[in-house]
PDB file of N, CA and C in Angstrom:
ATOM      1  N   MET A   1       0.850  -0.932  -0.220  1.00  0.00           N
ATOM      2  CA  MET A   1      -0.035  -0.091   0.350  1.00  0.00           C
ATOM      3  C   MET A   1       0.806   0.854   0.159  1.00  0.00           C
ATOM      4  N   LYS A   2       0.774   2.271  -0.997  1.00  0.00           N
ATOM      5  CA  LYS A   2       1.417   3.390  -0.378  1.00  0.00           C
ATOM      6  C   LYS A   2       0.863   4.237   0.332  1.00  0.00           C
ATOM      7  N   LYS A   3       2.203   4.995   0.795  1.00  0.00           N
ATOM      8  CA  LYS A   3       2.067   5.800   1.943  1.00  0.00           C
ATOM      9  C   LYS A   3       2.395   7.132   1.415  1.00  0.00           C
ATOM     10  N   TYR A   4       1.516   7.894   1.986  1.00  0.00           N
ATOM     11  CA  TYR A   4       1.515   9.586   1.628  1.00  0.00           C
ATOM     12  C   TYR A   4       1.946  10.183   3.135  1.00  0.00           C
ATOM     13  N   THR A   5       2.433  11.255   2.401  1.00  0.00           N
ATOM     14  CA  THR A   5       2.847  12.212   3.615  1.00  0.00           C
ATOM     15  C   THR A   5       2.261  13.841   3.373  1.00  0.00           C
ATOM     16  N   PRO A   6       1.389  13.893   4.434  1.00  0.00           N
ATOM     17  CA  PRO A   6       0.445  15.121   4.371  1.00  0.00           C
ATOM     18  C   PRO A   6       1.902  16.356   4.190  1.00  0.00           C
ATOM     19  N   TYR A   7       1.713  17.220   3.345  1.00  0.00           N
ATOM     20  CA  TYR A   7       2.320  18.468   3.068  1.00  0.00           C
ATOM     21  C   TYR A   7       1.630  19.582   3.703  1.00  0.00           C
ATOM     22  N   LYS A   8       2.354  19.798   5.198  1.00  0.00           N
ATOM     23  CA  LYS A   8       1.711  20.819   5.617  1.00  0.00           C
ATOM     24  C   LYS A   8       2.363  22.316   5.799  1.00  0.00           C
ATOM     25  N   ASN A   9       3.055  22.555   4.626  1.00  0.00           N
ATOM     26  CA  ASN A   9       4.008  23.874   4.604  1.00  0.00           C
ATOM     27  C   ASN A   9       2.735  24.469   3.530  1.00  0.00           C
ATOM     28  N   ILE A  10       1.788  24.255   3.026  1.00  0.00           N
ATOM     29  CA  ILE A  10       0.937  24.523   1.541  1.00  0.00           C
ATOM     30  C   ILE A  10       0.903  25.273   1.450  1.00  0.00           C
ATOM     31  N   ARG A  11       0.298  26.029   2.873  1.00  0.00           N
ATOM     32  CA  ARG A  11       0.757  27.710   2.992  1.00  0.00           C
ATOM     33  C   ARG A  11       1.269  28.670   2.690  1.00  0.00           C
ATOM     34  N   LYS A  12       2.435  28.182   2.204  1.00  0.00           N
ATOM     35  CA  LYS A  12       3.432  29.189   2.023  1.00  0.00           C
ATOM     36  C   LYS A  12       3.372  29.364   0.224  1.00  0.00           C
ATOM     37  N   GLN A  13       3.036  28.210  -0.343  1.00  0.00           N
ATOM     38  CA  GLN A  13       2.779  28.651  -1.259  1.00  0.00           C
ATOM     39  C   GLN A  13       1.439  28.793  -2.210  1.00  0.00           C
ATOM     40  N   ALA A  14       0.207  28.522  -1.232  1.00  0.00           N
ATOM     41  CA  ALA A  14      -0.453  29.313  -1.993  1.00  0.00           C
ATOM     42  C   ALA A  14      -1.084  30.679  -2.492  1.00  0.00           C
ATOM     43  N   MET A  15      -1.835  30.319  -4.076  1.00  0.00           N
ATOM     44  CA  MET A  15      -1.868  31.461  -5.030  1.00  0.00           C
ATOM     45  C   MET A  15      -2.994  31.571  -5.012  1.00  0.00           C
ATOM     46  N   ILE A  16      -3.791  32.443  -5.577  1.00  0.00           N
ATOM     47  CA  ILE A  16      -4.669  32.831  -5.471  1.00  0.00           C
ATOM     48  C   ILE A  16      -4.515  33.833  -6.869  1.00  0.00           C
ATOM     49  N   LEU A  17      -5.202  33.731  -8.057  1.00  0.00           N
ATOM     50  CA  LEU A  17      -4.975  34.487  -9.219  1.00  0.00           C
ATOM     51  C   LEU A  17      -3.364  34.967  -9.636  1.00  0.00           C
ATOM     52  N   GLY A  18      -2.860  33.478  -9.007  1.00  0.00           N
ATOM     53  CA  GLY A  18      -1.310  33.985  -9.757  1.00  0.00           C
ATOM     54  C   GLY A  18      -0.815  34.469  -8.614  1.00  0.00           C
ATOM     55  N   LEU A  19      -1.034  35.474  -7.717  1.00  0.00           N
ATOM     56  CA  LEU A  19      -0.574  35.749  -6.419  1.00  0.00           C
ATOM     57  C   LEU A  19      -0.374  35.602  -4.952  1.00  0.00           C
ATOM     58  N   PRO A  20       0.263  35.415  -4.443  1.00  0.00           N
ATOM     59  CA  PRO A  20       0.471  35.421  -3.106  1.00  0.00           C
ATOM     60  C   PRO A  20      -0.268  35.466  -2.538  1.00  0.00           C
ATOM     61  N   LEU A  21      -0.565  34.719  -1.210  1.00  0.00           N
ATOM     62  CA  LEU A  21      -1.698  35.547   0.078  1.00  0.00           C
ATOM     63  C   LEU A  21      -1.764  36.970   0.094  1.00  0.00           C
ATOM     64  N   SER A  22      -0.672  37.621   0.502  1.00  0.00           N
ATOM     65  CA  SER A  22      -0.275  38.775   0.903  1.00  0.00           C
ATOM     66  C   SER A  22      -0.661  39.803   0.095  1.00  0.00           C
ATOM     67  N   PHE A  23      -0.233  39.475  -1.068  1.00  0.00           N
ATOM     68  CA  PHE A  23      -0.495  39.950  -2.282  1.00  0.00           C
ATOM     69  C   PHE A  23      -1.797  40.286  -2.956  1.00  0.00           C
ATOM     70  N   PHE A  24      -2.482  39.105  -2.651  1.00  0.00           N
ATOM     71  CA  PHE A  24      -3.475  39.445  -3.055  1.00  0.00           C
ATOM     72  C   PHE A  24      -4.690  39.926  -2.106  1.00  0.00           C
ATOM     73  N   ALA A  25      -4.259  39.969  -0.804  1.00  0.00           N
ATOM     74  CA  ALA A  25      -4.852  40.666  -0.353  1.00  0.00           C
ATOM     75  C   ALA A  25      -4.433  42.591   0.054  1.00  0.00           C
ATOM     76  N   LEU A  26      -3.540  42.808  -0.227  1.00  0.00           N
ATOM     77  CA  LEU A  26      -3.343  43.950  -0.875  1.00  0.00           C
ATOM     78  C   LEU A  26      -4.610  44.302  -2.111  1.00  0.00           C
ATOM     79  N   GLN A  27      -4.011  43.413  -3.380  1.00  0.00           N
ATOM     80  CA  GLN A  27      -5.222  43.479  -4.276  1.00  0.00           C
ATOM     81  C   GLN A  27      -6.523  44.057  -3.911  1.00  0.00           C
ATOM     82  N   MET A  28      -7.073  43.113  -2.962  1.00  0.00           N
ATOM     83  CA  MET A  28      -8.394  43.322  -2.980  1.00  0.00           C
ATOM     84  C   MET A  28      -8.593  44.295  -2.049  1.00  0.00           C
ATOM     85  N   ILE A  29      -8.257  45.150  -1.499  1.00  0.00           N
ATOM     86  CA  ILE A  29      -7.983  46.299  -0.495  1.00  0.00           C
ATOM     87  C   ILE A  29      -8.252  47.322  -1.456  1.00  0.00           C
ATOM     88  N   SER A  30      -7.197  47.149  -2.727  1.00  0.00           N
ATOM     89  CA  SER A  30      -7.161  48.150  -3.609  1.00  0.00           C
ATOM     90  C   SER A  30      -8.580  48.454  -4.255  1.00  0.00           C
ATOM     91  N   VAL A  31      -9.060  47.050  -4.339  1.00  0.00           N
ATOM     92  CA  VAL A  31     -10.357  47.343  -5.136  1.00  0.00           C
ATOM     93  C   VAL A  31     -11.922  47.731  -4.127  1.00  0.00           C
ATOM     94  N   VAL A  32     -11.287  47.480  -2.997  1.00  0.00           N
ATOM     95  CA  VAL A  32     -12.757  47.640  -2.649  1.00  0.00           C
ATOM     96  C   VAL A  32     -12.361  49.104  -2.265  1.00  0.00           C
ATOM     97  N   ALA A  33     -10.905  50.000  -1.965  1.00  0.00           N
ATOM     98  CA  ALA A  33     -10.914  51.036  -1.640  1.00  0.00           C
ATOM     99  C   ALA A  33     -11.406  51.629  -3.016  1.00  0.00           C
ATOM    100  N   SER A  34     -10.890  51.452  -4.576  1.00  0.00           N
ATOM    101  CA  SER A  34     -11.518  51.935  -5.906  1.00  0.00           C
ATOM    102  C   SER A  34     -12.970  51.876  -5.856  1.00  0.00           C
ATOM    103  N   LEU A  35     -13.944  50.708  -5.553  1.00  0.00           N
ATOM    104  CA  LEU A  35     -15.507  50.964  -5.604  1.00  0.00           C
ATOM    105  C   LEU A  35     -15.882  52.053  -4.681  1.00  0.00           C
ATOM    106  N   LEU A  36     -15.185  51.925  -3.158  1.00  0.00           N
ATOM    107  CA  LEU A  36     -15.618  53.352  -2.454  1.00  0.00           C
ATOM    108  C   LEU A  36     -15.570  54.515  -2.984  1.00  0.00           C
ATOM    109  N   VAL A  37     -14.600  55.052  -4.049  1.00  0.00           N
ATOM    110  CA  VAL A  37     -14.113  55.690  -5.035  1.00  0.00           C
ATOM    111  C   VAL A  37     -14.858  56.052  -5.849  1.00  0.00           C
ATOM    112  N   ILE A  38     -15.434  54.831  -6.561  1.00  0.00           N
ATOM    113  CA  ILE A  38     -16.173  54.631  -7.869  1.00  0.00           C
ATOM    114  C   ILE A  38     -17.854  55.073  -7.528  1.00  0.00           C
ATOM    115  N   ILE A  39     -18.091  54.705  -6.148  1.00  0.00           N
ATOM    116  CA  ILE A  39     -19.463  54.693  -5.445  1.00  0.00           C
ATOM    117  C   ILE A  39     -19.631  56.412  -5.645  1.00  0.00           C
ATOM    118  N   PHE A  40     -18.634  57.098  -4.985  1.00  0.00           N
ATOM    119  CA  PHE A  40     -19.031  58.335  -4.027  1.00  0.00           C
ATOM    120  C   PHE A  40     -18.439  59.454  -5.485  1.00  0.00           C
ATOM    121  N   SER A  41     -17.671  58.901  -6.325  1.00  0.00           N
ATOM    122  CA  SER A  41     -17.538  60.229  -7.492  1.00  0.00           C
ATOM    123  C   SER A  41     -18.484  60.186  -8.616  1.00  0.00           C
ATOM    124  N   PHE A  42     -18.804  60.685  -9.245  1.00  0.00           N
ATOM    125  CA  PHE A  42     -20.111  61.265 -10.289  1.00  0.00           C
ATOM    126  C   PHE A  42     -19.157  61.246 -11.451  1.00  0.00           C
ATOM    127  N   SER A  43     -17.949  61.110 -11.363  1.00  0.00           N
ATOM    128  CA  SER A  43     -17.047  61.760 -12.761  1.00  0.00           C
ATOM    129  C   SER A  43     -16.228  60.435 -13.800  1.00  0.00           C
ATOM    130  N   LEU A  44     -16.404  59.930 -14.586  1.00  0.00           N
ATOM    131  CA  LEU A  44     -15.965  59.095 -15.297  1.00  0.00           C
ATOM    132  C   LEU A  44     -14.258  58.837 -15.467  1.00  0.00           C
ATOM    133  N   VAL A  45     -14.046  60.209 -15.188  1.00  0.00           N
ATOM    134  CA  VAL A  45     -12.556  60.604 -15.450  1.00  0.00           C
ATOM    135  C   VAL A  45     -11.845  59.626 -14.051  1.00  0.00           C
ATOM    136  N   ALA A  46     -13.019  59.760 -12.750  1.00  0.00           N
ATOM    137  CA  ALA A  46     -11.969  59.127 -11.561  1.00  0.00           C
ATOM    138  C   ALA A  46     -12.535  57.147 -11.862  1.00  0.00           C
ATOM    139  N   ILE A  47     -13.445  57.128 -12.767  1.00  0.00           N
ATOM    140  CA  ILE A  47     -13.367  56.061 -12.674  1.00  0.00           C
ATOM    141  C   ILE A  47     -12.149  55.143 -13.684  1.00  0.00           C
ATOM    142  N   ILE A  48     -12.282  55.726 -14.740  1.00  0.00           N
ATOM    143  CA  ILE A  48     -11.303  55.295 -15.138  1.00  0.00           C
ATOM    144  C   ILE A  48      -9.577  55.541 -15.079  1.00  0.00           C
ATOM    145  N   ILE A  49      -9.353  56.148 -13.915  1.00  0.00           N
ATOM    146  CA  ILE A  49      -7.998  56.245 -13.461  1.00  0.00           C
ATOM    147  C   ILE A  49      -8.155  55.701 -12.188  1.00  0.00           C
ATOM    148  N   VAL A  50      -9.453  54.812 -11.546  1.00  0.00           N
ATOM    149  CA  VAL A  50      -9.579  53.967 -10.701  1.00  0.00           C
ATOM    150  C   VAL A  50      -9.128  53.088 -11.569  1.00  0.00           C
ATOM    151  N   LEU A  51      -9.645  52.489 -12.698  1.00  0.00           N
ATOM    152  CA  LEU A  51      -9.702  50.819 -13.251  1.00  0.00           C
ATOM    153  C   LEU A  51      -8.320  50.569 -13.546  1.00  0.00           C
ATOM    154  N   LEU A  52      -7.501  51.647 -14.392  1.00  0.00           N
ATOM    155  CA  LEU A  52      -6.142  52.155 -14.753  1.00  0.00           C
ATOM    156  C   LEU A  52      -5.455  51.322 -13.765  1.00  0.00           C
ATOM    157  N   TRP A  53      -5.514  52.346 -12.006  1.00  0.00           N
ATOM    158  CA  TRP A  53      -4.730  51.931 -11.102  1.00  0.00           C
ATOM    159  C   TRP A  53      -4.762  50.375 -10.577  1.00  0.00           C
ATOM    160  N   ASN A  54      -6.025  50.002 -10.386  1.00  0.00           N
ATOM    161  CA  ASN A  54      -5.714  48.446 -10.492  1.00  0.00           C
ATOM    162  C   ASN A  54      -5.312  47.417 -11.580  1.00  0.00           C
ATOM    163  N   LEU A  55      -5.395  47.607 -12.483  1.00  0.00           N
ATOM    164  CA  LEU A  55      -4.892  46.933 -13.753  1.00  0.00           C
ATOM    165  C   LEU A  55      -3.068  46.893 -13.389  1.00  0.00           C
ATOM    166  N   MET A  56      -2.323  48.300 -12.697  1.00  0.00           N
ATOM    167  CA  MET A  56      -1.139  48.315 -12.738  1.00  0.00           C
ATOM    168  C   MET A  56      -0.664  47.720 -11.523  1.00  0.00           C
ATOM    169  N   LEU A  57      -1.685  47.708 -10.627  1.00  0.00           N
ATOM    170  CA  LEU A  57      -1.132  47.489  -9.167  1.00  0.00           C
ATOM    171  C   LEU A  57      -0.689  45.940  -9.239  1.00  0.00           C
ATOM    172  N   PHE A  58      -2.026  44.894 -10.020  1.00  0.00           N
ATOM    173  CA  PHE A  58      -2.309  43.782 -10.635  1.00  0.00           C
ATOM    174  C   PHE A  58      -0.907  43.389 -10.913  1.00  0.00           C
ATOM    175  N   MET A  59      -0.334  44.131 -12.558  1.00  0.00           N
ATOM    176  CA  MET A  59       0.735  44.089 -13.320  1.00  0.00           C
ATOM    177  C   MET A  59       2.063  43.598 -12.107  1.00  0.00           C
ATOM    178  N   LEU A  60       2.115  44.871 -11.269  1.00  0.00           N
ATOM    179  CA  LEU A  60       2.999  45.208 -10.270  1.00  0.00           C
ATOM    180  C   LEU A  60       3.600  44.329  -9.366  1.00  0.00           C
ATOM    181  N   LEU A  61       2.357  43.902  -8.513  1.00  0.00           N
ATOM    182  CA  LEU A  61       2.390  42.696  -8.141  1.00  0.00           C
ATOM    183  C   LEU A  61       2.891  41.113  -8.782  1.00  0.00           C
ATOM    184  N   SER A  62       2.135  40.773  -9.564  1.00  0.00           N
ATOM    185  CA  SER A  62       2.143  39.261 -10.485  1.00  0.00           C
ATOM    186  C   SER A  62       3.840  39.746 -10.562  1.00  0.00           C
ATOM    187  N   LYS A  63       3.871  40.882 -11.079  1.00  0.00           N
ATOM    188  CA  LYS A  63       5.830  40.677 -11.443  1.00  0.00           C
ATOM    189  C   LYS A  63       6.461  40.580 -10.284  1.00  0.00           C
ATOM    190  N   LEU A  64       6.224  41.279  -9.298  1.00  0.00           N
ATOM    191  CA  LEU A  64       7.390  40.737  -8.482  1.00  0.00           C
ATOM    192  C   LEU A  64       7.139  39.684  -7.334  1.00  0.00           C
ATOM    193  N   SER A  65       5.680  38.746  -7.681  1.00  0.00           N
ATOM    194  CA  SER A  65       5.140  37.576  -6.892  1.00  0.00           C
ATOM    195  C   SER A  65       6.548  36.273  -7.641  1.00  0.00           C
ATOM    196  N   LYS A  66       6.387  36.785  -9.260  1.00  0.00           N
ATOM    197  CA  LYS A  66       7.559  35.800  -9.860  1.00  0.00           C
ATOM    198  C   LYS A  66       8.876  35.680  -9.533  1.00  0.00           C
ATOM    199  N   ARG A  67       9.310  37.065  -8.868  1.00  0.00           N
ATOM    200  CA  ARG A  67      10.834  36.937  -8.640  1.00  0.00           C
ATOM    201  C   ARG A  67      11.165  36.418  -7.128  1.00  0.00           C
ATOM    202  N   THR A  68      11.701  35.590  -6.541  1.00  0.00           N
ATOM    203  CA  THR A  68      11.288  35.031  -5.527  1.00  0.00           C
ATOM    204  C   THR A  68      12.644  34.946  -4.975  1.00  0.00           C
ATOM    205  N   GLY A  69      13.795  35.614  -5.248  1.00  0.00           N
ATOM    206  CA  GLY A  69      14.718  36.165  -4.500  1.00  0.00           C
ATOM    207  C   GLY A  69      14.180  37.476  -3.928  1.00  0.00           C
ATOM    208  N   LEU A  70      13.293  38.559  -4.164  1.00  0.00           N
ATOM    209  CA  LEU A  70      13.385  39.649  -3.803  1.00  0.00           C
ATOM    210  C   LEU A  70      12.482  39.914  -2.194  1.00  0.00           C
ATOM    211  N   PHE A  71      11.675  39.012  -1.714  1.00  0.00           N
ATOM    212  CA  PHE A  71      10.804  38.921  -0.618  1.00  0.00           C
ATOM    213  C   PHE A  71      11.149  37.439   0.108  1.00  0.00           C
ATOM    214  N   PRO A  72      11.948  36.980   1.258  1.00  0.00           N
ATOM    215  CA  PRO A  72      12.197  35.786   1.184  1.00  0.00           C
ATOM    216  C   PRO A  72      11.257  35.925   2.252  1.00  0.00           C
ATOM    217  N   PHE A  73      10.659  34.569   2.202  1.00  0.00           N
ATOM    218  CA  PHE A  73       9.260  34.346   3.039  1.00  0.00           C
ATOM    219  C   PHE A  73       9.772  33.339   4.160  1.00  0.00           C
ATOM    220  N   GLN A  74      11.021  32.475   4.078  1.00  0.00           N
ATOM    221  CA  GLN A  74      10.851  31.770   5.376  1.00  0.00           C
ATOM    222  C   GLN A  74      10.987  31.764   6.578  1.00  0.00           C
ATOM    223  N   GLY A  75      10.430  31.627   7.227  1.00  0.00           N
ATOM    224  CA  GLY A  75      10.653  31.986   8.886  1.00  0.00           C
ATOM    225  C   GLY A  75       9.386  32.238   9.161  1.00  0.00           C
ATOM    226  N   VAL A  76       8.123  32.572   8.103  1.00  0.00           N
ATOM    227  CA  VAL A  76       6.748  33.183   8.607  1.00  0.00           C
ATOM    228  C   VAL A  76       6.048  32.133   9.311  1.00  0.00           C
ATOM    229  N   LEU A  77       5.940  30.985   8.938  1.00  0.00           N
ATOM    230  CA  LEU A  77       5.253  30.533   9.202  1.00  0.00           C
ATOM    231  C   LEU A  77       5.971  28.880   9.789  1.00  0.00           C
ATOM    232  N   PRO A  78       5.184  28.148  10.887  1.00  0.00           N
ATOM    233  CA  PRO A  78       6.003  27.440  12.047  1.00  0.00           C
ATOM    234  C   PRO A  78       6.141  26.133  10.940  1.00  0.00           C
ATOM    235  N   ARG A  79       7.358  25.358  11.197  1.00  0.00           N
ATOM    236  CA  ARG A  79       7.696  23.978  10.367  1.00  0.00           C
ATOM    237  C   ARG A  79       6.738  23.240  11.143  1.00  0.00           C
ATOM    238  N   TYR A  80       6.311  23.045  12.087  1.00  0.00           N
ATOM    239  CA  TYR A  80       5.364  21.811  12.013  1.00  0.00           C
ATOM    240  C   TYR A  80       4.449  22.251  13.000  1.00  0.00           C
ATOM    241  N   ILE A  81       3.320  22.109  12.450  1.00  0.00           N
ATOM    242  CA  ILE A  81       2.015  22.122  13.183  1.00  0.00           C
ATOM    243  C   ILE A  81       1.311  20.958  14.082  1.00  0.00           C
ATOM    244  N   SER A  82       1.152  21.143  15.106  1.00  0.00           N
ATOM    245  CA  SER A  82       0.836  20.284  16.229  1.00  0.00           C
ATOM    246  C   SER A  82      -0.086  20.762  17.379  1.00  0.00           C
ATOM    247  N   ASN A  83      -0.927  19.401  17.699  1.00  0.00           N
ATOM    248  CA  ASN A  83      -1.651  19.957  18.582  1.00  0.00           C
ATOM    249  C   ASN A  83      -1.413  19.243  19.881  1.00  0.00           C
ATOM    250  N   LYS A  84      -0.446  19.043  20.259  1.00  0.00           N
ATOM    251  CA  LYS A  84       0.335  18.449  21.652  1.00  0.00           C
ATOM    252  C   LYS A  84       0.437  19.527  22.510  1.00  0.00           C
ATOM    253  N   LYS A  85      -0.146  19.389  23.593  1.00  0.00           N
ATOM    254  CA  LYS A  85      -0.043  20.395  24.895  1.00  0.00           C
ATOM    255  C   LYS A  85       1.571  20.362  25.417  1.00  0.00           C
ATOM    256  N   HIS A  86       1.911  22.059  25.369  1.00  0.00           N
ATOM    257  CA  HIS A  86       3.362  22.014  26.031  1.00  0.00           C
ATOM    258  C   HIS A  86       3.189  21.959  27.128  1.00  0.00           C
ATOM    259  N   THR A  87       4.307  21.581  27.908  1.00  0.00           N
ATOM    260  CA  THR A  87       4.366  22.299  29.685  1.00  0.00           C
ATOM    261  C   THR A  87       5.759  22.804  29.841  1.00  0.00           C
ATOM    262  N   ARG A  88       5.833  23.097  30.919  1.00  0.00           N
ATOM    263  CA  ARG A  88       7.097  23.691  31.444  1.00  0.00           C
ATOM    264  C   ARG A  88       7.927  22.430  31.677  1.00  0.00           C
ATOM    265  N   LEU A  89       7.852  21.053  31.363  1.00  0.00           N
ATOM    266  CA  LEU A  89       8.107  20.155  31.956  1.00  0.00           C
ATOM    267  C   LEU A  89       9.107  20.119  30.387  1.00  0.00           C
ATOM    268  N   ASN A  90       8.608  20.018  29.346  1.00  0.00           N
ATOM    269  CA  ASN A  90       9.549  20.158  28.098  1.00  0.00           C
ATOM    270  C   ASN A  90      10.562  21.054  27.981  1.00  0.00           C
ATOM    271  N   TYR A  91      10.594  21.895  28.534  1.00  0.00           N
ATOM    272  CA  TYR A  91      11.477  23.020  28.076  1.00  0.00           C
ATOM    273  C   TYR A  91      12.750  23.041  29.270  1.00  0.00           C
ATOM    274  N   GLU A  92      13.916  23.441  28.511  1.00  0.00           N
ATOM    275  CA  GLU A  92      14.986  23.400  29.605  1.00  0.00           C
ATOM    276  C   GLU A  92      15.105  24.740  30.334  1.00  0.00           C
ATOM    277  N   ASP A  93      15.748  24.643  31.756  1.00  0.00           N
ATOM    278  CA  ASP A  93      15.748  26.529  32.174  1.00  0.00           C
ATOM    279  C   ASP A  93      17.429  26.725  31.242  1.00  0.00           C
ATOM    280  N   HIS A  94      17.250  27.793  31.367  1.00  0.00           N
ATOM    281  CA  HIS A  94      18.290  28.591  30.404  1.00  0.00           C
ATOM    282  C   HIS A  94      18.487  29.857  31.621  1.00  0.00           C
TER     283      HIS A  94
END
């Protein structure tokens, strides 16, 4: 029988629309702010500027996400995920 090991660090490489989670969150904040600008402005120029802003931001973030050495993300998430309860007996006094 084949034995499969669970891949616990999948969050490090999670992508939504080709962007890492942090860049996707930044893009969504920009989209929500743009929608507020569109709702409260009655100008066609403002709508075009907001759409161009979101398009340029998406292109910039997608280019930045392709460069892996630019933002090192090691050490952000724990190496092992466990439900084991830790007590003071497991630690050494330093």
